[in-house]
PDB file of all heavy atoms in Angstrom:
ATOM      1  N   GLU A   1      24.550 -22.322   6.355  1.00  0.00           N
ATOM      2  CA  GLU A   1      24.327 -22.562   4.939  1.00  0.00           C
ATOM      3  C   GLU A   1      22.872 -22.329   4.537  1.00  0.00           C
ATOM      4  O   GLU A   1      22.547 -21.727   3.519  1.00  0.00           O
ATOM      5  CB  GLU A   1      24.753 -23.989   4.562  1.00  0.00           C
ATOM      6  CG  GLU A   1      24.597 -24.334   3.100  1.00  0.00           C
ATOM      7  CD  GLU A   1      25.471 -23.424   2.180  1.00  0.00           C
ATOM      8  OE1 GLU A   1      26.521 -22.841   2.580  1.00  0.00           O
ATOM      9  OE2 GLU A   1      25.048 -23.275   0.994  1.00  0.00           O
ATOM     10  N   LEU A   2      21.954 -22.762   5.398  1.00  0.00           N
ATOM     11  CA  LEU A   2      20.502 -22.555   5.175  1.00  0.00           C
ATOM     12  C   LEU A   2      20.186 -21.048   5.142  1.00  0.00           C
ATOM     13  O   LEU A   2      19.425 -20.597   4.339  1.00  0.00           O
ATOM     14  CB  LEU A   2      19.636 -23.273   6.170  1.00  0.00           C
ATOM     15  CG  LEU A   2      19.560 -24.815   6.019  1.00  0.00           C
ATOM     16  CD1 LEU A   2      18.779 -25.400   7.184  1.00  0.00           C
ATOM     17  CD2 LEU A   2      18.889 -25.179   4.692  1.00  0.00           C
ATOM     18  N   GLN A   3      20.802 -20.313   6.047  1.00  0.00           N
ATOM     19  CA  GLN A   3      20.613 -18.871   6.091  1.00  0.00           C
ATOM     20  C   GLN A   3      21.123 -18.201   4.850  1.00  0.00           C
ATOM     21  O   GLN A   3      20.499 -17.362   4.251  1.00  0.00           O
ATOM     22  CB  GLN A   3      21.327 -18.269   7.320  1.00  0.00           C
ATOM     23  CG  GLN A   3      21.160 -16.774   7.459  1.00  0.00           C
ATOM     24  CD  GLN A   3      19.711 -16.323   7.659  1.00  0.00           C
ATOM     25  OE1 GLN A   3      18.993 -16.951   8.455  1.00  0.00           O
ATOM     26  NE2 GLN A   3      19.274 -15.345   6.911  1.00  0.00           N
ATOM     27  N   ARG A   4      22.293 -18.662   4.388  1.00  0.00           N
ATOM     28  CA  ARG A   4      22.901 -18.140   3.161  1.00  0.00           C
ATOM     29  C   ARG A   4      21.981 -18.452   1.955  1.00  0.00           C
ATOM     30  O   ARG A   4      21.717 -17.607   1.112  1.00  0.00           O
ATOM     31  CB  ARG A   4      24.309 -18.739   2.949  1.00  0.00           C
ATOM     32  CG  ARG A   4      25.126 -18.075   1.830  1.00  0.00           C
ATOM     33  CD  ARG A   4      26.497 -18.647   1.677  1.00  0.00           C
ATOM     34  NE  ARG A   4      26.478 -20.001   1.013  1.00  0.00           N
ATOM     35  CZ  ARG A   4      26.325 -20.175  -0.299  1.00  0.00           C
ATOM     36  NH1 ARG A   4      26.166 -19.144  -1.088  1.00  0.00           N
ATOM     37  NH2 ARG A   4      26.294 -21.383  -0.826  1.00  0.00           N
ATOM     38  N   GLN A   5      21.512 -19.657   1.909  1.00  0.00           N
ATOM     39  CA  GLN A   5      20.581 -20.112   0.851  1.00  0.00           C
ATOM     40  C   GLN A   5      19.279 -19.258   0.901  1.00  0.00           C
ATOM     41  O   GLN A   5      18.777 -18.851  -0.144  1.00  0.00           O
ATOM     42  CB  GLN A   5      20.264 -21.610   0.925  1.00  0.00           C
ATOM     43  CG  GLN A   5      21.428 -22.517   0.652  1.00  0.00           C
ATOM     44  CD  GLN A   5      21.906 -22.429  -0.788  1.00  0.00           C
ATOM     45  OE1 GLN A   5      21.120 -22.268  -1.700  1.00  0.00           O
ATOM     46  NE2 GLN A   5      23.203 -22.555  -0.952  1.00  0.00           N
ATOM     47  N   GLY A   6      18.826 -19.049   2.081  1.00  0.00           N
ATOM     48  CA  GLY A   6      17.594 -18.206   2.287  1.00  0.00           C
ATOM     49  C   GLY A   6      17.817 -16.777   1.771  1.00  0.00           C
ATOM     50  O   GLY A   6      16.947 -16.204   1.133  1.00  0.00           O
ATOM     51  N   ASP A   7      19.030 -16.264   2.091  1.00  0.00           N
ATOM     52  CA  ASP A   7      19.376 -14.890   1.638  1.00  0.00           C
ATOM     53  C   ASP A   7      19.365 -14.828   0.117  1.00  0.00           C
ATOM     54  O   ASP A   7      18.919 -13.925  -0.506  1.00  0.00           O
ATOM     55  CB  ASP A   7      20.657 -14.439   2.230  1.00  0.00           C
ATOM     56  CG  ASP A   7      20.618 -14.206   3.721  1.00  0.00           C
ATOM     57  OD1 ASP A   7      19.482 -14.075   4.272  1.00  0.00           O
ATOM     58  OD2 ASP A   7      21.687 -14.089   4.394  1.00  0.00           O
ATOM     59  N   LEU A   8      20.026 -15.875  -0.486  1.00  0.00           N
ATOM     60  CA  LEU A   8      20.106 -15.933  -1.945  1.00  0.00           C
ATOM     61  C   LEU A   8      18.673 -16.035  -2.567  1.00  0.00           C
ATOM     62  O   LEU A   8      18.407 -15.398  -3.561  1.00  0.00           O
ATOM     63  CB  LEU A   8      20.967 -17.116  -2.378  1.00  0.00           C
ATOM     64  CG  LEU A   8      22.451 -16.984  -2.173  1.00  0.00           C
ATOM     65  CD1 LEU A   8      23.156 -18.274  -2.502  1.00  0.00           C
ATOM     66  CD2 LEU A   8      23.036 -15.837  -2.937  1.00  0.00           C
ATOM     67  N   ILE A   9      17.868 -16.837  -1.992  1.00  0.00           N
ATOM     68  CA  ILE A   9      16.463 -16.978  -2.483  1.00  0.00           C
ATOM     69  C   ILE A   9      15.736 -15.656  -2.360  1.00  0.00           C
ATOM     70  O   ILE A   9      15.025 -15.237  -3.248  1.00  0.00           O
ATOM     71  CB  ILE A   9      15.726 -18.135  -1.709  1.00  0.00           C
ATOM     72  CG1 ILE A   9      16.305 -19.436  -2.155  1.00  0.00           C
ATOM     73  CG2 ILE A   9      14.215 -18.021  -1.981  1.00  0.00           C
ATOM     74  CD1 ILE A   9      15.770 -20.663  -1.297  1.00  0.00           C
ATOM     75  N   HIS A  10      15.931 -14.971  -1.244  1.00  0.00           N
ATOM     76  CA  HIS A  10      15.317 -13.651  -1.040  1.00  0.00           C
ATOM     77  C   HIS A  10      15.782 -12.653  -2.104  1.00  0.00           C
ATOM     78  O   HIS A  10      15.005 -11.921  -2.671  1.00  0.00           O
ATOM     79  CB  HIS A  10      15.612 -13.093   0.341  1.00  0.00           C
ATOM     80  CG  HIS A  10      15.043 -11.769   0.595  1.00  0.00           C
ATOM     81  ND1 HIS A  10      13.653 -11.505   0.549  1.00  0.00           N
ATOM     82  CD2 HIS A  10      15.625 -10.570   0.867  1.00  0.00           C
ATOM     83  CE1 HIS A  10      13.480 -10.205   0.789  1.00  0.00           C
ATOM     84  NE2 HIS A  10      14.628  -9.633   1.027  1.00  0.00           N
ATOM     85  N   GLN A  11      17.111 -12.678  -2.389  1.00  0.00           N
ATOM     86  CA  GLN A  11      17.697 -11.865  -3.449  1.00  0.00           C
ATOM     87  C   GLN A  11      17.062 -12.179  -4.828  1.00  0.00           C
ATOM     88  O   GLN A  11      16.717 -11.268  -5.570  1.00  0.00           O
ATOM     89  CB  GLN A  11      19.204 -11.989  -3.540  1.00  0.00           C
ATOM     90  CG  GLN A  11      19.945 -11.311  -2.437  1.00  0.00           C
ATOM     91  CD  GLN A  11      21.436 -11.507  -2.517  1.00  0.00           C
ATOM     92  OE1 GLN A  11      21.889 -12.508  -3.176  1.00  0.00           O
ATOM     93  NE2 GLN A  11      22.221 -10.655  -1.913  1.00  0.00           N
ATOM     94  N   LEU A  12      16.915 -13.482  -5.093  1.00  0.00           N
ATOM     95  CA  LEU A  12      16.308 -13.878  -6.353  1.00  0.00           C
ATOM     96  C   LEU A  12      14.866 -13.407  -6.463  1.00  0.00           C
ATOM     97  O   LEU A  12      14.406 -12.916  -7.488  1.00  0.00           O
ATOM     98  CB  LEU A  12      16.357 -15.413  -6.510  1.00  0.00           C
ATOM     99  CG  LEU A  12      17.707 -15.991  -6.896  1.00  0.00           C
ATOM    100  CD1 LEU A  12      17.661 -17.487  -6.795  1.00  0.00           C
ATOM    101  CD2 LEU A  12      18.061 -15.548  -8.287  1.00  0.00           C
ATOM    102  N   ILE A  13      14.116 -13.563  -5.368  1.00  0.00           N
ATOM    103  CA  ILE A  13      12.704 -13.108  -5.322  1.00  0.00           C
ATOM    104  C   ILE A  13      12.668 -11.617  -5.593  1.00  0.00           C
ATOM    105  O   ILE A  13      11.863 -11.141  -6.389  1.00  0.00           O
ATOM    106  CB  ILE A  13      12.056 -13.498  -4.025  1.00  0.00           C
ATOM    107  CG1 ILE A  13      11.837 -15.011  -3.984  1.00  0.00           C
ATOM    108  CG2 ILE A  13      10.722 -12.793  -3.827  1.00  0.00           C
ATOM    109  CD1 ILE A  13      11.365 -15.543  -2.607  1.00  0.00           C
ATOM    110  N   THR A  14      13.553 -10.877  -4.933  1.00  0.00           N
ATOM    111  CA  THR A  14      13.566  -9.392  -5.130  1.00  0.00           C
ATOM    112  C   THR A  14      13.928  -9.080  -6.577  1.00  0.00           C
ATOM    113  O   THR A  14      13.262  -8.197  -7.209  1.00  0.00           O
ATOM    114  CB  THR A  14      14.589  -8.756  -4.151  1.00  0.00           C
ATOM    115  OG1 THR A  14      14.196  -9.070  -2.835  1.00  0.00           O
ATOM    116  CG2 THR A  14      14.658  -7.272  -4.292  1.00  0.00           C
ATOM    117  N   THR A  15      14.910  -9.752  -7.130  1.00  0.00           N
ATOM    118  CA  THR A  15      15.326  -9.510  -8.483  1.00  0.00           C
ATOM    119  C   THR A  15      14.223  -9.854  -9.468  1.00  0.00           C
ATOM    120  O   THR A  15      13.939  -9.059 -10.380  1.00  0.00           O
ATOM    121  CB  THR A  15      16.600 -10.317  -8.821  1.00  0.00           C
ATOM    122  OG1 THR A  15      17.657  -9.914  -7.900  1.00  0.00           O
ATOM    123  CG2 THR A  15      17.079 -10.062 -10.251  1.00  0.00           C
ATOM    124  N   VAL A  16      13.588 -10.966  -9.263  1.00  0.00           N
ATOM    125  CA  VAL A  16      12.458 -11.393 -10.135  1.00  0.00           C
ATOM    126  C   VAL A  16      11.355 -10.400 -10.054  1.00  0.00           C
ATOM    127  O   VAL A  16      10.726 -10.036 -11.025  1.00  0.00           O
ATOM    128  CB  VAL A  16      12.033 -12.821  -9.828  1.00  0.00           C
ATOM    129  CG1 VAL A  16      10.729 -13.139 -10.508  1.00  0.00           C
ATOM    130  CG2 VAL A  16      13.067 -13.835 -10.218  1.00  0.00           C
ATOM    131  N   GLY A  17      11.077  -9.930  -8.845  1.00  0.00           N
ATOM    132  CA  GLY A  17      10.004  -8.908  -8.663  1.00  0.00           C
ATOM    133  C   GLY A  17      10.341  -7.675  -9.397  1.00  0.00           C
ATOM    134  O   GLY A  17       9.495  -7.044 -10.097  1.00  0.00           O
ATOM    135  N   ALA A  18      11.606  -7.205  -9.291  1.00  0.00           N
ATOM    136  CA  ALA A  18      11.998  -5.964 -10.022  1.00  0.00           C
ATOM    137  C   ALA A  18      11.889  -6.220 -11.532  1.00  0.00           C
ATOM    138  O   ALA A  18      11.499  -5.302 -12.311  1.00  0.00           O
ATOM    139  CB  ALA A  18      13.443  -5.579  -9.610  1.00  0.00           C
ATOM    140  N   MET A  19      12.314  -7.368 -11.974  1.00  0.00           N
ATOM    141  CA  MET A  19      12.258  -7.693 -13.387  1.00  0.00           C
ATOM    142  C   MET A  19      10.785  -7.699 -13.877  1.00  0.00           C
ATOM    143  O   MET A  19      10.465  -7.291 -14.952  1.00  0.00           O
ATOM    144  CB  MET A  19      12.943  -9.024 -13.708  1.00  0.00           C
ATOM    145  CG  MET A  19      14.467  -8.915 -13.583  1.00  0.00           C
ATOM    146  SD  MET A  19      15.304 -10.512 -13.798  1.00  0.00           S
ATOM    147  CE  MET A  19      15.015 -10.821 -15.486  1.00  0.00           C
ATOM    148  N   GLY A  20       9.942  -8.279 -13.019  1.00  0.00           N
ATOM    149  CA  GLY A  20       8.511  -8.295 -13.349  1.00  0.00           C
ATOM    150  C   GLY A  20       7.965  -6.910 -13.529  1.00  0.00           C
ATOM    151  O   GLY A  20       7.190  -6.590 -14.459  1.00  0.00           O
ATOM    152  N   LYS A  21       8.362  -5.972 -12.643  1.00  0.00           N
ATOM    153  CA  LYS A  21       7.873  -4.560 -12.760  1.00  0.00           C
ATOM    154  C   LYS A  21       8.429  -3.974 -14.071  1.00  0.00           C
ATOM    155  O   LYS A  21       7.727  -3.244 -14.768  1.00  0.00           O
ATOM    156  CB  LYS A  21       8.356  -3.805 -11.567  1.00  0.00           C
ATOM    157  CG  LYS A  21       7.610  -4.102 -10.288  1.00  0.00           C
ATOM    158  CD  LYS A  21       8.165  -3.292  -9.150  1.00  0.00           C
ATOM    159  CE  LYS A  21       7.433  -3.662  -7.819  1.00  0.00           C
ATOM    160  NZ  LYS A  21       7.954  -2.984  -6.648  1.00  0.00           N
ATOM    161  N   ALA A  22       9.695  -4.259 -14.366  1.00  0.00           N
ATOM    162  CA  ALA A  22      10.325  -3.735 -15.614  1.00  0.00           C
ATOM    163  C   ALA A  22       9.574  -4.286 -16.816  1.00  0.00           C
ATOM    164  O   ALA A  22       9.324  -3.535 -17.778  1.00  0.00           O
ATOM    165  CB  ALA A  22      11.790  -4.049 -15.651  1.00  0.00           C
ATOM    166  N   VAL A  23       9.243  -5.549 -16.800  1.00  0.00           N
ATOM    167  CA  VAL A  23       8.559  -6.177 -17.921  1.00  0.00           C
ATOM    168  C   VAL A  23       7.188  -5.522 -18.040  1.00  0.00           C
ATOM    169  O   VAL A  23       6.719  -5.232 -19.190  1.00  0.00           O
ATOM    170  CB  VAL A  23       8.454  -7.682 -17.768  1.00  0.00           C
ATOM    171  CG1 VAL A  23       7.456  -8.305 -18.720  1.00  0.00           C
ATOM    172  CG2 VAL A  23       9.830  -8.358 -17.941  1.00  0.00           C
ATOM    173  N   ASN A  24       6.507  -5.355 -16.929  1.00  0.00           N
ATOM    174  CA  ASN A  24       5.165  -4.695 -16.995  1.00  0.00           C
ATOM    175  C   ASN A  24       5.267  -3.274 -17.552  1.00  0.00           C
ATOM    176  O   ASN A  24       4.421  -2.891 -18.374  1.00  0.00           O
ATOM    177  CB  ASN A  24       4.538  -4.615 -15.564  1.00  0.00           C
ATOM    178  CG  ASN A  24       4.033  -5.972 -15.110  1.00  0.00           C
ATOM    179  OD1 ASN A  24       3.806  -6.879 -15.926  1.00  0.00           O
ATOM    180  ND2 ASN A  24       3.881  -6.118 -13.809  1.00  0.00           N
ATOM    181  N   SER A  25       6.319  -2.553 -17.161  1.00  0.00           N
ATOM    182  CA  SER A  25       6.519  -1.219 -17.706  1.00  0.00           C
ATOM    183  C   SER A  25       6.732  -1.252 -19.204  1.00  0.00           C
ATOM    184  O   SER A  25       6.160  -0.473 -19.959  1.00  0.00           O
ATOM    185  CB  SER A  25       7.701  -0.580 -16.944  1.00  0.00           C
ATOM    186  OG  SER A  25       7.958   0.693 -17.512  1.00  0.00           O
TER     187      SER A  25
END
């Protein structure tokens, strides 16, 4: 479960990073 939660957090971080780049653009 911790691994799954970690994967989800990593996906969120990746998504937020991509959204940040899109917002900057």
